[in-house]
C-alpha atoms as a PDB file:
ATOM      1  CA  MET A   1      -0.033   0.112  -0.125  1.00  0.00           C
ATOM      2  CA  ARG A   2       3.404   2.238   0.954  1.00  0.00           C
ATOM      3  CA  LYS A   3       4.670   1.399  -2.054  1.00  0.00           C
ATOM      4  CA  SER A   4       1.449   2.520  -3.996  1.00  0.00           C
ATOM      5  CA  ARG A   5       1.162   5.651  -2.583  1.00  0.00           C
ATOM      6  CA  GLN A   6       5.071   6.391  -3.305  1.00  0.00           C
ATOM      7  CA  LEU A   7       4.205   6.007  -7.290  1.00  0.00           C
ATOM      8  CA  ARG A   8       1.128   8.182  -7.175  1.00  0.00           C
ATOM      9  CA  LYS A   9       3.476  10.839  -5.361  1.00  0.00           C
ATOM     10  CA  THR A  10       6.240  10.625  -7.965  1.00  0.00           C
ATOM     11  CA  ALA A  11       3.660  10.635 -11.105  1.00  0.00           C
ATOM     12  CA  ALA A  12       2.382  13.509  -9.882  1.00  0.00           C
ATOM     13  CA  LEU A  13       5.980  15.220  -9.493  1.00  0.00           C
ATOM     14  CA  LEU A  14       6.452  14.183 -12.981  1.00  0.00           C
ATOM     15  CA  ALA A  15       3.748  15.704 -14.586  1.00  0.00           C
ATOM     16  CA  THR A  16       4.430  18.811 -12.665  1.00  0.00           C
ATOM     17  CA  ALA A  17       7.667  19.197 -14.025  1.00  0.00           C
ATOM     18  CA  THR A  18       6.806  18.010 -17.515  1.00  0.00           C
ATOM     19  CA  MET A  19       4.041  20.687 -17.350  1.00  0.00           C
ATOM     20  CA  ALA A  20       6.614  23.525 -16.256  1.00  0.00           C
ATOM     21  CA  VAL A  21       8.815  22.428 -19.065  1.00  0.00           C
ATOM     22  CA  SER A  22       6.155  23.000 -21.428  1.00  0.00           C
ATOM     23  CA  LEU A  23       5.453  26.368 -20.019  1.00  0.00           C
ATOM     24  CA  ALA A  24       9.346  27.662 -20.504  1.00  0.00           C
ATOM     25  CA  ILE A  25       9.838  26.620 -23.479  1.00  0.00           C
ATOM     26  CA  PRO A  26       7.513  28.971 -25.482  1.00  0.00           C
ATOM     27  CA  ALA A  27       8.983  31.678 -22.854  1.00  0.00           C
ATOM     28  CA  LEU A  28      12.877  30.568 -24.039  1.00  0.00           C
ATOM     29  CA  ALA A  29      11.810  30.625 -27.826  1.00  0.00           C
ATOM     30  CA  THR A  30      10.354  34.182 -27.609  1.00  0.00           C
ATOM     31  CA  ALA A  31      13.220  35.895 -25.641  1.00  0.00           C
ATOM     32  CA  GLN A  32      15.791  34.124 -28.252  1.00  0.00           C
ATOM     33  CA  ILE A  33      13.569  35.826 -31.090  1.00  0.00           C
ATOM     34  CA  SER A  34      13.591  39.058 -29.835  1.00  0.00           C
ATOM     35  CA  THR A  35      17.334  39.158 -29.127  1.00  0.00           C
ATOM     36  CA  VAL A  36      18.372  38.267 -32.756  1.00  0.00           C
ATOM     37  CA  ALA A  37      15.832  40.230 -34.398  1.00  0.00           C
ATOM     38  CA  GLY A  38      17.014  43.084 -31.871  1.00  0.00           C
ATOM     39  CA  SER A  39      13.513  44.423 -31.179  1.00  0.00           C
ATOM     40  CA  GLU A  40      12.846  46.692 -28.198  1.00  0.00           C
ATOM     41  CA  ARG A  41       8.701  45.773 -28.841  1.00  0.00           C
ATOM     42  CA  SER A  42       7.671  44.761 -25.326  1.00  0.00           C
ATOM     43  CA  PHE A  43       4.949  41.982 -26.085  1.00  0.00           C
ATOM     44  CA  PRO A  44       2.137  41.304 -23.877  1.00  0.00           C
ATOM     45  CA  ALA A  45       1.534  38.020 -22.289  1.00  0.00           C
ATOM     46  CA  GLN A  46       1.583  34.817 -24.267  1.00  0.00           C
ATOM     47  CA  GLY A  47      -1.809  33.760 -25.428  1.00  0.00           C
ATOM     48  CA  GLY A  48      -4.456  33.519 -27.912  1.00  0.00           C
ATOM     49  CA  ALA A  49      -3.845  34.948 -31.017  1.00  0.00           C
ATOM     50  CA  ASP A  50      -1.301  37.395 -30.115  1.00  0.00           C
ATOM     51  CA  ARG A  51       0.970  34.320 -29.502  1.00  0.00           C
ATOM     52  CA  LYS A  52       0.552  33.394 -33.232  1.00  0.00           C
ATOM     53  CA  ASN A  53       1.711  37.017 -34.457  1.00  0.00           C
ATOM     54  CA  ILE A  54       4.513  37.613 -31.856  1.00  0.00           C
ATOM     55  CA  LEU A  55       7.431  36.130 -34.991  1.00  0.00           C
ATOM     56  CA  ALA A  56       5.964  38.013 -37.373  1.00  0.00           C
ATOM     57  CA  GLU A  57       6.420  41.654 -35.743  1.00  0.00           C
ATOM     58  CA  ALA A  58       9.604  40.379 -34.151  1.00  0.00           C
ATOM     59  CA  THR A  59      10.805  40.248 -37.434  1.00  0.00           C
ATOM     60  CA  SER A  60       9.221  42.928 -39.858  1.00  0.00           C
ATOM     61  CA  ILE A  61      11.254  45.509 -41.237  1.00  0.00           C
ATOM     62  CA  SER A  62       9.856  49.347 -41.863  1.00  0.00           C
ATOM     63  CA  SER A  63      11.103  52.513 -43.539  1.00  0.00           C
ATOM     64  CA  ASP A  64      10.227  55.873 -43.691  1.00  0.00           C
ATOM     65  CA  SER A  65       9.292  56.962 -47.049  1.00  0.00           C
ATOM     66  CA  LYS A  66      10.567  60.773 -46.278  1.00  0.00           C
ATOM     67  CA  ALA A  67      13.702  60.039 -45.071  1.00  0.00           C
ATOM     68  CA  ASN A  68      16.536  61.399 -46.626  1.00  0.00           C
ATOM     69  CA  TRP A  69      19.272  59.286 -47.610  1.00  0.00           C
ATOM     70  CA  GLY A  70      21.323  61.731 -49.256  1.00  0.00           C
ATOM     71  CA  GLY A  71      20.670  60.375 -52.917  1.00  0.00           C
ATOM     72  CA  ILE A  72      21.305  62.445 -56.332  1.00  0.00           C
ATOM     73  CA  GLU A  73      18.367  64.707 -55.864  1.00  0.00           C
ATOM     74  CA  SER A  74      20.558  66.299 -53.444  1.00  0.00           C
ATOM     75  CA  LEU A  75      23.462  67.331 -55.429  1.00  0.00           C
ATOM     76  CA  THR A  76      23.827  70.536 -57.670  1.00  0.00           C
ATOM     77  CA  ILE A  77      24.854  69.906 -61.119  1.00  0.00           C
ATOM     78  CA  GLU A  78      25.456  72.662 -63.305  1.00  0.00           C
ATOM     79  CA  LYS A  79      23.306  73.465 -66.310  1.00  0.00           C
ATOM     80  CA  THR A  80      25.239  73.352 -69.692  1.00  0.00           C
ATOM     81  CA  ASP A  81      24.022  74.791 -73.142  1.00  0.00           C
ATOM     82  CA  SER A  82      22.705  72.738 -75.963  1.00  0.00           C
ATOM     83  CA  PRO A  83      24.400  73.141 -79.326  1.00  0.00           C
ATOM     84  CA  ALA A  84      21.064  75.292 -80.762  1.00  0.00           C
ATOM     85  CA  GLU A  85      21.872  77.542 -77.218  1.00  0.00           C
ATOM     86  CA  VAL A  86      25.596  77.917 -77.957  1.00  0.00           C
ATOM     87  CA  SER A  87      24.673  79.037 -81.832  1.00  0.00           C
ATOM     88  CA  ALA A  88      22.245  81.142 -81.038  1.00  0.00           C
ATOM     89  CA  LYS A  89      24.250  82.923 -78.319  1.00  0.00           C
ATOM     90  CA  GLU A  90      27.322  82.794 -80.761  1.00  0.00           C
ATOM     91  CA  ALA A  91      25.134  84.580 -83.226  1.00  0.00           C
ATOM     92  CA  ALA A  92      23.475  87.273 -81.109  1.00  0.00           C
ATOM     93  CA  ARG A  93      27.275  88.080 -79.655  1.00  0.00           C
ATOM     94  CA  LYS A  94      28.385  88.566 -83.798  1.00  0.00           C
ATOM     95  CA  ALA A  95      24.924  90.504 -84.441  1.00  0.00           C
ATOM     96  CA  ALA A  96      25.892  92.951 -81.292  1.00  0.00           C
ATOM     97  CA  GLU A  97      29.427  93.351 -82.559  1.00  0.00           C
ATOM     98  CA  GLU A  98      28.496  94.383 -86.147  1.00  0.00           C
ATOM     99  CA  ALA A  99      25.847  96.639 -84.981  1.00  0.00           C
ATOM    100  CA  ALA A 100      28.387  98.317 -82.689  1.00  0.00           C
ATOM    101  CA  ALA A 101      30.648  98.803 -85.209  1.00  0.00           C
ATOM    102  CA  SER A 102      28.047 100.449 -88.120  1.00  0.00           C
ATOM    103  CA  GLN A 103      27.186 103.181 -85.171  1.00  0.00           C
ATOM    104  CA  ARG A 104      31.048 103.996 -84.796  1.00  0.00           C
ATOM    105  CA  ALA A 105      31.007 104.078 -88.627  1.00  0.00           C
ATOM    106  CA  GLN A 106      28.145 106.186 -88.980  1.00  0.00           C
ATOM    107  CA  ALA A 107      29.346 108.622 -85.890  1.00  0.00           C
ATOM    108  CA  GLN A 108      32.653 108.675 -87.233  1.00  0.00           C
ATOM    109  CA  LYS A 109      30.960 109.195 -91.035  1.00  0.00           C
ATOM    110  CA  GLN A 110      28.781 111.581 -89.439  1.00  0.00           C
ATOM    111  CA  ALA A 111      31.948 113.428 -87.671  1.00  0.00           C
ATOM    112  CA  GLU A 112      33.619 113.509 -90.856  1.00  0.00           C
ATOM    113  CA  VAL A 113      30.593 115.217 -92.850  1.00  0.00           C
ATOM    114  CA  SER A 114      30.135 117.957 -90.310  1.00  0.00           C
ATOM    115  CA  ARG A 115      33.802 118.734 -90.412  1.00  0.00           C
ATOM    116  CA  SER A 116      33.572 119.254 -93.891  1.00  0.00           C
ATOM    117  CA  GLU A 117      30.785 121.418 -94.119  1.00  0.00           C
ATOM    118  CA  GLN A 118      32.442 123.412 -91.482  1.00  0.00           C
ATOM    119  CA  ARG A 119      35.320 123.578 -93.583  1.00  0.00           C
ATOM    120  CA  SER A 120      33.466 124.120 -96.625  1.00  0.00           C
ATOM    121  CA  THR A 121      31.727 127.327 -94.368  1.00  0.00           C
ATOM    122  CA  VAL A 122      34.976 128.645 -92.867  1.00  0.00           C
ATOM    123  CA  GLY A 123      37.693 126.527 -94.891  1.00  0.00           C
ATOM    124  CA  VAL A 124      37.745 129.396 -97.283  1.00  0.00           C
ATOM    125  CA  MET A 125      41.020 131.698 -97.969  1.00  0.00           C
ATOM    126  CA  VAL A 126      41.365 134.939-100.485  1.00  0.00           C
ATOM    127  CA  LEU A 127      44.437 133.759-102.208  1.00  0.00           C
ATOM    128  CA  LYS A 128      45.045 137.152-103.914  1.00  0.00           C
ATOM    129  CA  THR A 129      43.697 140.578-103.425  1.00  0.00           C
ATOM    130  CA  SER A 130      41.161 142.233-105.791  1.00  0.00           C
ATOM    131  CA  SER A 131      44.152 144.004-107.387  1.00  0.00           C
ATOM    132  CA  ASN A 132      45.706 141.057-108.220  1.00  0.00           C
ATOM    133  CA  VAL A 133      42.591 139.743-110.027  1.00  0.00           C
ATOM    134  CA  ASN A 134      41.075 140.874-113.404  1.00  0.00           C
ATOM    135  CA  LEU A 135      39.673 139.698-116.483  1.00  0.00           C
ATOM    136  CA  GLY A 136      42.644 140.789-119.018  1.00  0.00           C
ATOM    137  CA  THR A 137      41.448 141.754-122.523  1.00  0.00           C
ATOM    138  CA  TYR A 138      37.716 140.859-123.374  1.00  0.00           C
ATOM    139  CA  ASP A 139      35.100 142.116-125.411  1.00  0.00           C
ATOM    140  CA  PRO A 140      32.045 143.512-123.487  1.00  0.00           C
ATOM    141  CA  ALA A 141      29.619 142.089-125.867  1.00  0.00           C
ATOM    142  CA  TRP A 142      30.429 138.640-124.020  1.00  0.00           C
ATOM    143  CA  ALA A 143      28.803 139.437-120.851  1.00  0.00           C
ATOM    144  CA  GLY A 144      25.520 139.416-122.665  1.00  0.00           C
ATOM    145  CA  THR A 145      22.774 140.692-120.884  1.00  0.00           C
ATOM    146  CA  TYR A 146      24.410 140.524-117.681  1.00  0.00           C
ATOM    147  CA  PRO A 147      24.843 143.317-115.760  1.00  0.00           C
ATOM    148  CA  PHE A 148      28.297 144.975-115.253  1.00  0.00           C
ATOM    149  CA  GLY A 149      30.149 144.004-112.192  1.00  0.00           C
ATOM    150  CA  GLN A 150      28.006 141.541-111.012  1.00  0.00           C
ATOM    151  CA  CYS A 151      28.538 137.974-110.555  1.00  0.00           C
ATOM    152  CA  THR A 152      27.059 136.157-113.533  1.00  0.00           C
ATOM    153  CA  TRP A 153      29.278 138.941-115.240  1.00  0.00           C
ATOM    154  CA  TRP A 154      32.513 137.838-114.725  1.00  0.00           C
ATOM    155  CA  VAL A 155      31.703 134.183-115.706  1.00  0.00           C
ATOM    156  CA  ALA A 156      30.197 134.890-119.067  1.00  0.00           C
ATOM    157  CA  ILE A 157      33.256 136.495-119.671  1.00  0.00           C
ATOM    158  CA  ARG A 158      35.209 134.008-118.377  1.00  0.00           C
ATOM    159  CA  ARG A 159      33.632 131.075-119.932  1.00  0.00           C
ATOM    160  CA  ALA A 160      33.840 133.170-123.407  1.00  0.00           C
ATOM    161  CA  GLN A 161      37.190 133.924-123.023  1.00  0.00           C
ATOM    162  CA  ILE A 162      38.383 129.822-123.023  1.00  0.00           C
ATOM    163  CA  GLY A 163      35.582 129.210-125.925  1.00  0.00           C
ATOM    164  CA  ARG A 164      32.511 127.885-123.799  1.00  0.00           C
ATOM    165  CA  PRO A 165      30.403 130.977-123.993  1.00  0.00           C
ATOM    166  CA  VAL A 166      27.018 130.464-121.896  1.00  0.00           C
ATOM    167  CA  PRO A 167      23.520 131.416-123.044  1.00  0.00           C
ATOM    168  CA  GLY A 168      22.253 134.957-122.179  1.00  0.00           C
ATOM    169  CA  ASN A 169      19.644 133.984-119.938  1.00  0.00           C
ATOM    170  CA  MET A 170      20.255 131.976-116.963  1.00  0.00           C
ATOM    171  CA  GLY A 171      19.318 134.220-114.276  1.00  0.00           C
ATOM    172  CA  ASN A 172      20.247 135.078-111.131  1.00  0.00           C
ATOM    173  CA  GLY A 173      23.255 132.994-109.507  1.00  0.00           C
ATOM    174  CA  LYS A 174      20.885 130.315-107.917  1.00  0.00           C
ATOM    175  CA  ASP A 175      19.356 129.303-110.931  1.00  0.00           C
ATOM    176  CA  TRP A 176      22.364 128.601-112.999  1.00  0.00           C
ATOM    177  CA  ALA A 177      21.871 124.764-112.146  1.00  0.00           C
ATOM    178  CA  ASN A 178      18.497 124.341-113.525  1.00  0.00           C
ATOM    179  CA  SER A 179      18.716 126.744-116.122  1.00  0.00           C
ATOM    180  CA  GLY A 180      21.919 124.712-117.450  1.00  0.00           C
ATOM    181  CA  ARG A 181      19.813 121.727-117.337  1.00  0.00           C
ATOM    182  CA  ALA A 182      17.109 123.232-119.255  1.00  0.00           C
ATOM    183  CA  HIS A 183      19.734 124.251-121.819  1.00  0.00           C
ATOM    184  CA  GLY A 184      21.129 120.472-122.038  1.00  0.00           C
ATOM    185  CA  MET A 185      24.012 121.069-120.169  1.00  0.00           C
ATOM    186  CA  LYS A 186      26.087 118.942-117.552  1.00  0.00           C
ATOM    187  CA  VAL A 187      25.345 119.765-114.040  1.00  0.00           C
ATOM    188  CA  ASP A 188      26.624 117.930-111.405  1.00  0.00           C
ATOM    189  CA  HIS A 189      29.148 117.986-108.167  1.00  0.00           C
ATOM    190  CA  THR A 190      32.202 117.590-109.736  1.00  0.00           C
ATOM    191  CA  PRO A 191      34.392 120.283-110.027  1.00  0.00           C
ATOM    192  CA  GLU A 192      36.290 120.856-113.475  1.00  0.00           C
ATOM    193  CA  VAL A 193      38.576 123.713-114.673  1.00  0.00           C
ATOM    194  CA  GLY A 194      36.127 126.257-116.573  1.00  0.00           C
ATOM    195  CA  ALA A 195      33.213 124.940-114.702  1.00  0.00           C
ATOM    196  CA  VAL A 196      30.528 127.445-113.205  1.00  0.00           C
ATOM    197  CA  LEU A 197      30.273 127.044-109.416  1.00  0.00           C
ATOM    198  CA  VAL A 198      26.808 127.518-108.170  1.00  0.00           C
ATOM    199  CA  PHE A 199      25.912 129.131-104.836  1.00  0.00           C
ATOM    200  CA  GLN A 200      22.447 128.658-103.106  1.00  0.00           C
ATOM    201  CA  PRO A 201      21.354 131.827-101.235  1.00  0.00           C
ATOM    202  CA  GLY A 202      23.313 132.336 -98.265  1.00  0.00           C
ATOM    203  CA  GLN A 203      25.788 129.409 -99.101  1.00  0.00           C
ATOM    204  CA  LEU A 204      29.342 130.057 -98.238  1.00  0.00           C
ATOM    205  CA  TYR A 205      28.531 133.875 -98.084  1.00  0.00           C
ATOM    206  CA  ALA A 206      26.094 133.838-100.783  1.00  0.00           C
ATOM    207  CA  ASP A 207      23.567 136.865-101.435  1.00  0.00           C
ATOM    208  CA  PRO A 208      20.801 135.603 -98.968  1.00  0.00           C
ATOM    209  CA  VAL A 209      18.138 135.974-102.174  1.00  0.00           C
ATOM    210  CA  TYR A 210      20.022 135.236-105.426  1.00  0.00           C
ATOM    211  CA  GLY A 211      23.029 133.365-104.632  1.00  0.00           C
ATOM    212  CA  HIS A 212      25.844 133.477-106.511  1.00  0.00           C
ATOM    213  CA  VAL A 213      28.778 131.979-109.313  1.00  0.00           C
ATOM    214  CA  ALA A 214      32.087 131.965-109.700  1.00  0.00           C
ATOM    215  CA  PHE A 215      34.245 130.044-111.994  1.00  0.00           C
ATOM    216  CA  VAL A 216      36.883 127.420-111.371  1.00  0.00           C
ATOM    217  CA  GLU A 217      40.152 128.321-112.673  1.00  0.00           C
ATOM    218  CA  GLN A 218      42.056 125.247-110.708  1.00  0.00           C
ATOM    219  CA  VAL A 219      41.315 121.971-109.086  1.00  0.00           C
ATOM    220  CA  LEU A 220      43.725 120.634-106.716  1.00  0.00           C
ATOM    221  CA  ASP A 221      45.075 117.417-106.120  1.00  0.00           C
ATOM    222  CA  ASP A 222      43.314 117.410-102.501  1.00  0.00           C
ATOM    223  CA  GLY A 223      40.438 118.064-104.163  1.00  0.00           C
ATOM    224  CA  SER A 224      39.848 121.673-103.123  1.00  0.00           C
ATOM    225  CA  ILE A 225      39.862 124.204-105.769  1.00  0.00           C
ATOM    226  CA  ILE A 226      40.896 127.945-106.856  1.00  0.00           C
ATOM    227  CA  THR A 227      38.071 130.554-108.514  1.00  0.00           C
ATOM    228  CA  SER A 228      37.828 133.778-109.467  1.00  0.00           C
ATOM    229  CA  GLU A 229      34.882 135.825-109.245  1.00  0.00           C
ATOM    230  CA  THR A 230      33.500 139.377-108.495  1.00  0.00           C
ATOM    231  CA  SER A 231      30.117 140.967-106.917  1.00  0.00           C
ATOM    232  CA  GLY A 232      28.366 143.717-107.078  1.00  0.00           C
ATOM    233  CA  GLY A 233      29.760 147.069-105.608  1.00  0.00           C
ATOM    234  CA  ARG A 234      33.083 145.939-106.347  1.00  0.00           C
ATOM    235  CA  GLY A 235      33.046 147.627-109.711  1.00  0.00           C
ATOM    236  CA  GLY A 236      34.501 144.881-111.733  1.00  0.00           C
ATOM    237  CA  VAL A 237      37.166 143.987-110.154  1.00  0.00           C
ATOM    238  CA  GLY A 238      37.721 140.340-109.197  1.00  0.00           C
ATOM    239  CA  PHE A 239      38.905 138.017-106.643  1.00  0.00           C
ATOM    240  CA  SER A 240      40.213 134.849-106.086  1.00  0.00           C
ATOM    241  CA  ARG A 241      39.151 131.938-103.357  1.00  0.00           C
ATOM    242  CA  HIS A 242      40.505 128.671-102.368  1.00  0.00           C
ATOM    243  CA  ILE A 243      37.562 126.428-101.415  1.00  0.00           C
ATOM    244  CA  TYR A 244      37.678 122.943 -99.640  1.00  0.00           C
ATOM    245  CA  ASN A 245      34.991 120.066 -99.965  1.00  0.00           C
ATOM    246  CA  ALA A 246      34.235 121.492-103.430  1.00  0.00           C
ATOM    247  CA  SER A 247      31.662 118.634-103.909  1.00  0.00           C
ATOM    248  CA  VAL A 248      29.044 120.075-101.884  1.00  0.00           C
ATOM    249  CA  PHE A 249      28.358 122.411-104.607  1.00  0.00           C
ATOM    250  CA  GLU A 250      26.651 122.020-107.638  1.00  0.00           C
ATOM    251  CA  TYR A 251      28.901 122.733-110.932  1.00  0.00           C
ATOM    252  CA  VAL A 252      27.710 123.523-114.393  1.00  0.00           C
ATOM    253  CA  HIS A 253      30.037 122.668-117.395  1.00  0.00           C
END
């Protein structure tokens, strides 16, 4: 009887030990899984459905989609022009340079014209006194209808002296260019020995109403000319001028 009780007691101890072992094994497995995954999560008491997800939760990996990983998006890359953009910029640069050169050339030309106009106005030099310029021998009839001592009178006689007489109805000095054309005479801006230089009213001290004419005695290498001429009030006595920039005037050939 005593032996039977002893066997029952031993069996009860074994059953208790077995149950303790069965409860300890899952706890040990859970502790090992948590250590391997490196999770700091605190798990609730084991039991029910929670126990089935312990392994999945402990080993899951999550990432923040907004995290900045220092990718290439943060790099600064210098923008380079395309071949078409390079060509366009080069064309624009050349156009700007050409425009600037054209403006400089135009400004220089205008300055030269201004200087020439100034010379044509003030660059006049009397080469001889009135006593040193005269018509010499001439026939008064050569003057035709032009009044004695007037600029037209002088020019008409000088033309007759060189065998190139002018019509007797050319008008006042300012009219000679148009009258010459009407008579079929060559009229241009090219000075020539023997040509009639025509001044419009006020041009290079010409009469402000009637204009003026002069006779071209010489054309110099630099394009300037030497004239012989007279004007009312001088009693038929002539004078001479050296005129620069002669091409600004008209000439009757």
